[in-house]
Amino acid sequence: MNEQIKKAFATTLVHLILAGRRTIEDVPVGLQDQVKADLGITEPAHVTPAAIQAAEQSTELEA
C-alpha cells in the first residue's frame, strides 16, 4: 500500500478513535503501529493485556 494512503487511513482511524466511534482493536493489523504512534501509545503491539497483567502480578509478588 502506498505510504500516503496508509497515513491517510491511519489519520482517519485516529480521528474515529478519539471520537469514540472505533477502538484500537478495530484497526487493521498493518496500521496498528502507526495509529498507536499517532495516539502516543508506547506499548509494543505484540504485548497482550494478559501479558501485562501477569508481569504486574509477578512484580507485586516480589515486593
PDB file of N, CA and C in Angstrom:
ATOM      1  N   MET A   1       0.857  -1.172   0.000  1.00  0.00           N
ATOM      2  CA  MET A   1       0.000   0.000   0.000  1.00  0.00           C
ATOM      3  C   MET A   1       0.903   1.234   0.000  1.00  0.00           C
ATOM      4  N   ASN A   2       0.525   2.200  -0.741  1.00  0.00           N
ATOM      5  CA  ASN A   2       1.260   3.444  -0.827  1.00  0.00           C
ATOM      6  C   ASN A   2       1.337   4.113   0.556  1.00  0.00           C
ATOM      7  N   GLU A   3       2.493   4.671   0.904  1.00  0.00           N
ATOM      8  CA  GLU A   3       2.685   5.286   2.221  1.00  0.00           C
ATOM      9  C   GLU A   3       1.712   6.432   2.486  1.00  0.00           C
ATOM     10  N   GLN A   4       1.423   7.228   1.474  1.00  0.00           N
ATOM     11  CA  GLN A   4       0.483   8.341   1.658  1.00  0.00           C
ATOM     12  C   GLN A   4      -0.922   7.827   1.965  1.00  0.00           C
ATOM     13  N   ILE A   5      -1.296   6.746   1.326  1.00  0.00           N
ATOM     14  CA  ILE A   5      -2.611   6.162   1.582  1.00  0.00           C
ATOM     15  C   ILE A   5      -2.663   5.588   2.993  1.00  0.00           C
ATOM     16  N   LYS A   6      -1.584   4.912   3.420  1.00  0.00           N
ATOM     17  CA  LYS A   6      -1.527   4.365   4.774  1.00  0.00           C
ATOM     18  C   LYS A   6      -1.643   5.479   5.812  1.00  0.00           C
ATOM     19  N   LYS A   7      -0.953   6.589   5.574  1.00  0.00           N
ATOM     20  CA  LYS A   7      -1.016   7.718   6.503  1.00  0.00           C
ATOM     21  C   LYS A   7      -2.421   8.301   6.557  1.00  0.00           C
ATOM     22  N   ALA A   8      -3.079   8.378   5.412  1.00  0.00           N
ATOM     23  CA  ALA A   8      -4.437   8.912   5.372  1.00  0.00           C
ATOM     24  C   ALA A   8      -5.402   8.002   6.127  1.00  0.00           C
ATOM     25  N   PHE A   9      -5.293   6.688   5.932  1.00  0.00           N
ATOM     26  CA  PHE A   9      -6.133   5.751   6.668  1.00  0.00           C
ATOM     27  C   PHE A   9      -5.859   5.839   8.161  1.00  0.00           C
ATOM     28  N   ALA A  10      -4.578   5.897   8.541  1.00  0.00           N
ATOM     29  CA  ALA A  10      -4.215   5.979   9.954  1.00  0.00           C
ATOM     30  C   ALA A  10      -4.782   7.248  10.584  1.00  0.00           C
ATOM     31  N   THR A  11      -4.686   8.357   9.879  1.00  0.00           N
ATOM     32  CA  THR A  11      -5.215   9.619  10.404  1.00  0.00           C
ATOM     33  C   THR A  11      -6.727   9.536  10.596  1.00  0.00           C
ATOM     34  N   THR A  12      -7.413   8.957   9.627  1.00  0.00           N
ATOM     35  CA  THR A  12      -8.862   8.800   9.743  1.00  0.00           C
ATOM     36  C   THR A  12      -9.218   7.922  10.931  1.00  0.00           C
ATOM     37  N   LEU A  13      -8.485   6.833  11.097  1.00  0.00           N
ATOM     38  CA  LEU A  13      -8.758   5.935  12.215  1.00  0.00           C
ATOM     39  C   LEU A  13      -8.468   6.604  13.554  1.00  0.00           C
ATOM     40  N   VAL A  14      -7.423   7.421  13.622  1.00  0.00           N
ATOM     41  CA  VAL A  14      -7.123   8.155  14.854  1.00  0.00           C
ATOM     42  C   VAL A  14      -8.285   9.078  15.207  1.00  0.00           C
ATOM     43  N   HIS A  15      -8.811   9.764  14.229  1.00  0.00           N
ATOM     44  CA  HIS A  15      -9.950  10.658  14.474  1.00  0.00           C
ATOM     45  C   HIS A  15     -11.173   9.873  14.963  1.00  0.00           C
ATOM     46  N   LEU A  16     -11.408   8.716  14.368  1.00  0.00           N
ATOM     47  CA  LEU A  16     -12.546   7.895  14.789  1.00  0.00           C
ATOM     48  C   LEU A  16     -12.358   7.359  16.204  1.00  0.00           C
ATOM     49  N   ILE A  17     -11.131   6.992  16.554  1.00  0.00           N
ATOM     50  CA  ILE A  17     -10.846   6.507  17.908  1.00  0.00           C
ATOM     51  C   ILE A  17     -11.036   7.631  18.913  1.00  0.00           C
ATOM     52  N   LEU A  18     -10.516   8.807  18.600  1.00  0.00           N
ATOM     53  CA  LEU A  18     -10.657   9.936  19.519  1.00  0.00           C
ATOM     54  C   LEU A  18     -12.114  10.364  19.674  1.00  0.00           C
ATOM     55  N   ALA A  19     -12.914  10.141  18.648  1.00  0.00           N
ATOM     56  CA  ALA A  19     -14.334  10.477  18.712  1.00  0.00           C
ATOM     57  C   ALA A  19     -15.143   9.388  19.421  1.00  0.00           C
ATOM     58  N   GLY A  20     -14.498   8.273  19.734  1.00  0.00           N
ATOM     59  CA  GLY A  20     -15.183   7.194  20.423  1.00  0.00           C
ATOM     60  C   GLY A  20     -15.980   6.274  19.521  1.00  0.00           C
ATOM     61  N   ARG A  21     -15.756   6.361  18.235  1.00  0.00           N
ATOM     62  CA  ARG A  21     -16.523   5.547  17.288  1.00  0.00           C
ATOM     63  C   ARG A  21     -15.813   4.255  16.927  1.00  0.00           C
ATOM     64  N   ARG A  22     -14.527   4.157  17.200  1.00  0.00           N
ATOM     65  CA  ARG A  22     -13.727   2.956  16.943  1.00  0.00           C
ATOM     66  C   ARG A  22     -12.781   2.735  18.121  1.00  0.00           C
ATOM     67  N   THR A  23     -12.217   1.535  18.193  1.00  0.00           N
ATOM     68  CA  THR A  23     -11.187   1.231  19.184  1.00  0.00           C
ATOM     69  C   THR A  23      -9.947   0.752  18.442  1.00  0.00           C
ATOM     70  N   ILE A  24      -8.860   0.621  19.163  1.00  0.00           N
ATOM     71  CA  ILE A  24      -7.621   0.167  18.523  1.00  0.00           C
ATOM     72  C   ILE A  24      -7.782  -1.256  17.995  1.00  0.00           C
ATOM     73  N   GLU A  25      -8.621  -2.050  18.642  1.00  0.00           N
ATOM     74  CA  GLU A  25      -8.858  -3.412  18.164  1.00  0.00           C
ATOM     75  C   GLU A  25      -9.529  -3.429  16.790  1.00  0.00           C
ATOM     76  N   ASP A  26     -10.198  -2.342  16.420  1.00  0.00           N
ATOM     77  CA  ASP A  26     -10.858  -2.247  15.118  1.00  0.00           C
ATOM     78  C   ASP A  26      -9.883  -1.898  13.989  1.00  0.00           C
ATOM     79  N   VAL A  27      -8.686  -1.469  14.345  1.00  0.00           N
ATOM     80  CA  VAL A  27      -7.702  -1.033  13.354  1.00  0.00           C
ATOM     81  C   VAL A  27      -7.045  -2.262  12.716  1.00  0.00           C
ATOM     82  N   PRO A  28      -6.917  -2.287  11.395  1.00  0.00           N
ATOM     83  CA  PRO A  28      -6.213  -3.397  10.738  1.00  0.00           C
ATOM     84  C   PRO A  28      -4.782  -3.524  11.271  1.00  0.00           C
ATOM     85  N   VAL A  29      -4.312  -4.753  11.376  1.00  0.00           N
ATOM     86  CA  VAL A  29      -3.008  -5.039  11.965  1.00  0.00           C
ATOM     87  C   VAL A  29      -1.890  -4.237  11.303  1.00  0.00           C
ATOM     88  N   GLY A  30      -1.952  -4.069  10.009  1.00  0.00           N
ATOM     89  CA  GLY A  30      -0.908  -3.349   9.287  1.00  0.00           C
ATOM     90  C   GLY A  30      -0.817  -1.873   9.630  1.00  0.00           C
ATOM     91  N   LEU A  31      -1.866  -1.326  10.216  1.00  0.00           N
ATOM     92  CA  LEU A  31      -1.875   0.096  10.563  1.00  0.00           C
ATOM     93  C   LEU A  31      -1.797   0.351  12.068  1.00  0.00           C
ATOM     94  N   GLN A  32      -1.868  -0.695  12.889  1.00  0.00           N
ATOM     95  CA  GLN A  32      -1.919  -0.512  14.333  1.00  0.00           C
ATOM     96  C   GLN A  32      -0.708   0.231  14.885  1.00  0.00           C
ATOM     97  N   ASP A  33       0.487  -0.097  14.423  1.00  0.00           N
ATOM     98  CA  ASP A  33       1.682   0.578  14.940  1.00  0.00           C
ATOM     99  C   ASP A  33       1.655   2.073  14.645  1.00  0.00           C
ATOM    100  N   GLN A  34       1.251   2.426  13.445  1.00  0.00           N
ATOM    101  CA  GLN A  34       1.202   3.838  13.079  1.00  0.00           C
ATOM    102  C   GLN A  34       0.114   4.571  13.862  1.00  0.00           C
ATOM    103  N   VAL A  35      -1.047   3.953  14.029  1.00  0.00           N
ATOM    104  CA  VAL A  35      -2.139   4.572  14.780  1.00  0.00           C
ATOM    105  C   VAL A  35      -1.735   4.751  16.239  1.00  0.00           C
ATOM    106  N   LYS A  36      -1.116   3.723  16.816  1.00  0.00           N
ATOM    107  CA  LYS A  36      -0.668   3.826  18.208  1.00  0.00           C
ATOM    108  C   LYS A  36       0.371   4.931  18.362  1.00  0.00           C
ATOM    109  N   ALA A  37       1.273   5.058  17.409  1.00  0.00           N
ATOM    110  CA  ALA A  37       2.267   6.121  17.470  1.00  0.00           C
ATOM    111  C   ALA A  37       1.600   7.495  17.386  1.00  0.00           C
ATOM    112  N   ASP A  38       0.616   7.627  16.537  1.00  0.00           N
ATOM    113  CA  ASP A  38      -0.105   8.899  16.414  1.00  0.00           C
ATOM    114  C   ASP A  38      -0.867   9.237  17.690  1.00  0.00           C
ATOM    115  N   LEU A  39      -1.334   8.199  18.390  1.00  0.00           N
ATOM    116  CA  LEU A  39      -2.065   8.408  19.629  1.00  0.00           C
ATOM    117  C   LEU A  39      -1.137   8.562  20.835  1.00  0.00           C
ATOM    118  N   GLY A  40       0.152   8.287  20.634  1.00  0.00           N
ATOM    119  CA  GLY A  40       1.112   8.410  21.728  1.00  0.00           C
ATOM    120  C   GLY A  40       1.171   7.188  22.620  1.00  0.00           C
ATOM    121  N   ILE A  41       0.698   6.054  22.129  1.00  0.00           N
ATOM    122  CA  ILE A  41       0.755   4.809  22.890  1.00  0.00           C
ATOM    123  C   ILE A  41       2.106   4.170  22.615  1.00  0.00           C
ATOM    124  N   THR A  42       2.849   3.893  23.685  1.00  0.00           N
ATOM    125  CA  THR A  42       4.214   3.407  23.501  1.00  0.00           C
ATOM    126  C   THR A  42       4.380   1.921  23.733  1.00  0.00           C
ATOM    127  N   GLU A  43       3.324   1.212  24.130  1.00  0.00           N
ATOM    128  CA  GLU A  43       3.473  -0.225  24.359  1.00  0.00           C
ATOM    129  C   GLU A  43       3.651  -0.948  23.033  1.00  0.00           C
ATOM    130  N   PRO A  44       4.466  -1.984  23.000  1.00  0.00           N
ATOM    131  CA  PRO A  44       4.656  -2.748  21.767  1.00  0.00           C
ATOM    132  C   PRO A  44       3.358  -3.443  21.345  1.00  0.00           C
ATOM    133  N   ALA A  45       3.174  -3.596  20.066  1.00  0.00           N
ATOM    134  CA  ALA A  45       1.945  -4.186  19.545  1.00  0.00           C
ATOM    135  C   ALA A  45       1.809  -5.657  19.923  1.00  0.00           C
ATOM    136  N   HIS A  46       2.937  -6.354  20.140  1.00  0.00           N
ATOM    137  CA  HIS A  46       2.879  -7.781  20.413  1.00  0.00           C
ATOM    138  C   HIS A  46       2.607  -8.107  21.884  1.00  0.00           C
ATOM    139  N   VAL A  47       2.539  -7.124  22.760  1.00  0.00           N
ATOM    140  CA  VAL A  47       2.256  -7.361  24.169  1.00  0.00           C
ATOM    141  C   VAL A  47       0.753  -7.344  24.381  1.00  0.00           C
ATOM    142  N   THR A  48       0.245  -8.432  24.908  1.00  0.00           N
ATOM    143  CA  THR A  48      -1.188  -8.533  25.145  1.00  0.00           C
ATOM    144  C   THR A  48      -1.525  -8.029  26.543  1.00  0.00           C
ATOM    145  N   PRO A  49      -2.759  -7.619  26.772  1.00  0.00           N
ATOM    146  CA  PRO A  49      -3.147  -7.183  28.122  1.00  0.00           C
ATOM    147  C   PRO A  49      -2.921  -8.269  29.171  1.00  0.00           C
ATOM    148  N   ALA A  50      -3.113  -9.536  28.806  1.00  0.00           N
ATOM    149  CA  ALA A  50      -2.885 -10.632  29.752  1.00  0.00           C
ATOM    150  C   ALA A  50      -1.414 -10.703  30.139  1.00  0.00           C
ATOM    151  N   ALA A  51      -0.518 -10.456  29.187  1.00  0.00           N
ATOM    152  CA  ALA A  51       0.919 -10.474  29.491  1.00  0.00           C
ATOM    153  C   ALA A  51       1.293  -9.314  30.396  1.00  0.00           C
ATOM    154  N   ILE A  52       0.693  -8.178  30.186  1.00  0.00           N
ATOM    155  CA  ILE A  52       0.961  -7.016  31.035  1.00  0.00           C
ATOM    156  C   ILE A  52       0.480  -7.297  32.456  1.00  0.00           C
ATOM    157  N   GLN A  53      -0.713  -7.875  32.580  1.00  0.00           N
ATOM    158  CA  GLN A  53      -1.262  -8.178  33.892  1.00  0.00           C
ATOM    159  C   GLN A  53      -0.390  -9.210  34.611  1.00  0.00           C
ATOM    160  N   ALA A  54       0.083 -10.215  33.910  1.00  0.00           N
ATOM    161  CA  ALA A  54       0.932 -11.229  34.520  1.00  0.00           C
ATOM    162  C   ALA A  54       2.251 -10.618  34.998  1.00  0.00           C
ATOM    163  N   ALA A  55       2.809  -9.707  34.219  1.00  0.00           N
ATOM    164  CA  ALA A  55       4.049  -9.042  34.605  1.00  0.00           C
ATOM    165  C   ALA A  55       3.842  -8.179  35.845  1.00  0.00           C
ATOM    166  N   GLU A  56       2.709  -7.493  35.913  1.00  0.00           N
ATOM    167  CA  GLU A  56       2.414  -6.661  37.075  1.00  0.00           C
ATOM    168  C   GLU A  56       2.233  -7.509  38.321  1.00  0.00           C
ATOM    169  N   GLN A  57       1.576  -8.651  38.185  1.00  0.00           N
ATOM    170  CA  GLN A  57       1.362  -9.533  39.329  1.00  0.00           C
ATOM    171  C   GLN A  57       2.669 -10.125  39.829  1.00  0.00           C
ATOM    172  N   SER A  58       3.583 -10.460  38.913  1.00  0.00           N
ATOM    173  CA  SER A  58       4.858 -11.042  39.342  1.00  0.00           C
ATOM    174  C   SER A  58       5.705 -10.002  40.071  1.00  0.00           C
ATOM    175  N   THR A  59       5.630  -8.741  39.676  1.00  0.00           N
ATOM    176  CA  THR A  59       6.401  -7.711  40.375  1.00  0.00           C
ATOM    177  C   THR A  59       5.786  -7.418  41.728  1.00  0.00           C
ATOM    178  N   GLU A  60       4.455  -7.551  41.866  1.00  0.00           N
ATOM    179  CA  GLU A  60       3.810  -7.351  43.159  1.00  0.00           C
ATOM    180  C   GLU A  60       4.204  -8.469  44.127  1.00  0.00           C
ATOM    181  N   LEU A  61       4.338  -9.679  43.629  1.00  0.00           N
ATOM    182  CA  LEU A  61       4.709 -10.798  44.476  1.00  0.00           C
ATOM    183  C   LEU A  61       6.152 -10.676  44.972  1.00  0.00           C
ATOM    184  N   GLU A  62       7.023 -10.088  44.160  1.00  0.00           N
ATOM    185  CA  GLU A  62       8.424  -9.924  44.544  1.00  0.00           C
ATOM    186  C   GLU A  62       8.582  -8.874  45.629  1.00  0.00           C
ATOM    187  N   ALA A  63       7.689  -7.907  45.694  1.00  0.00           N
ATOM    188  CA  ALA A  63       7.809  -6.808  46.660  1.00  0.00           C
ATOM    189  C   ALA A  63       7.376  -7.185  48.036  1.00  0.00           C
TER     190      ALA A  63
END
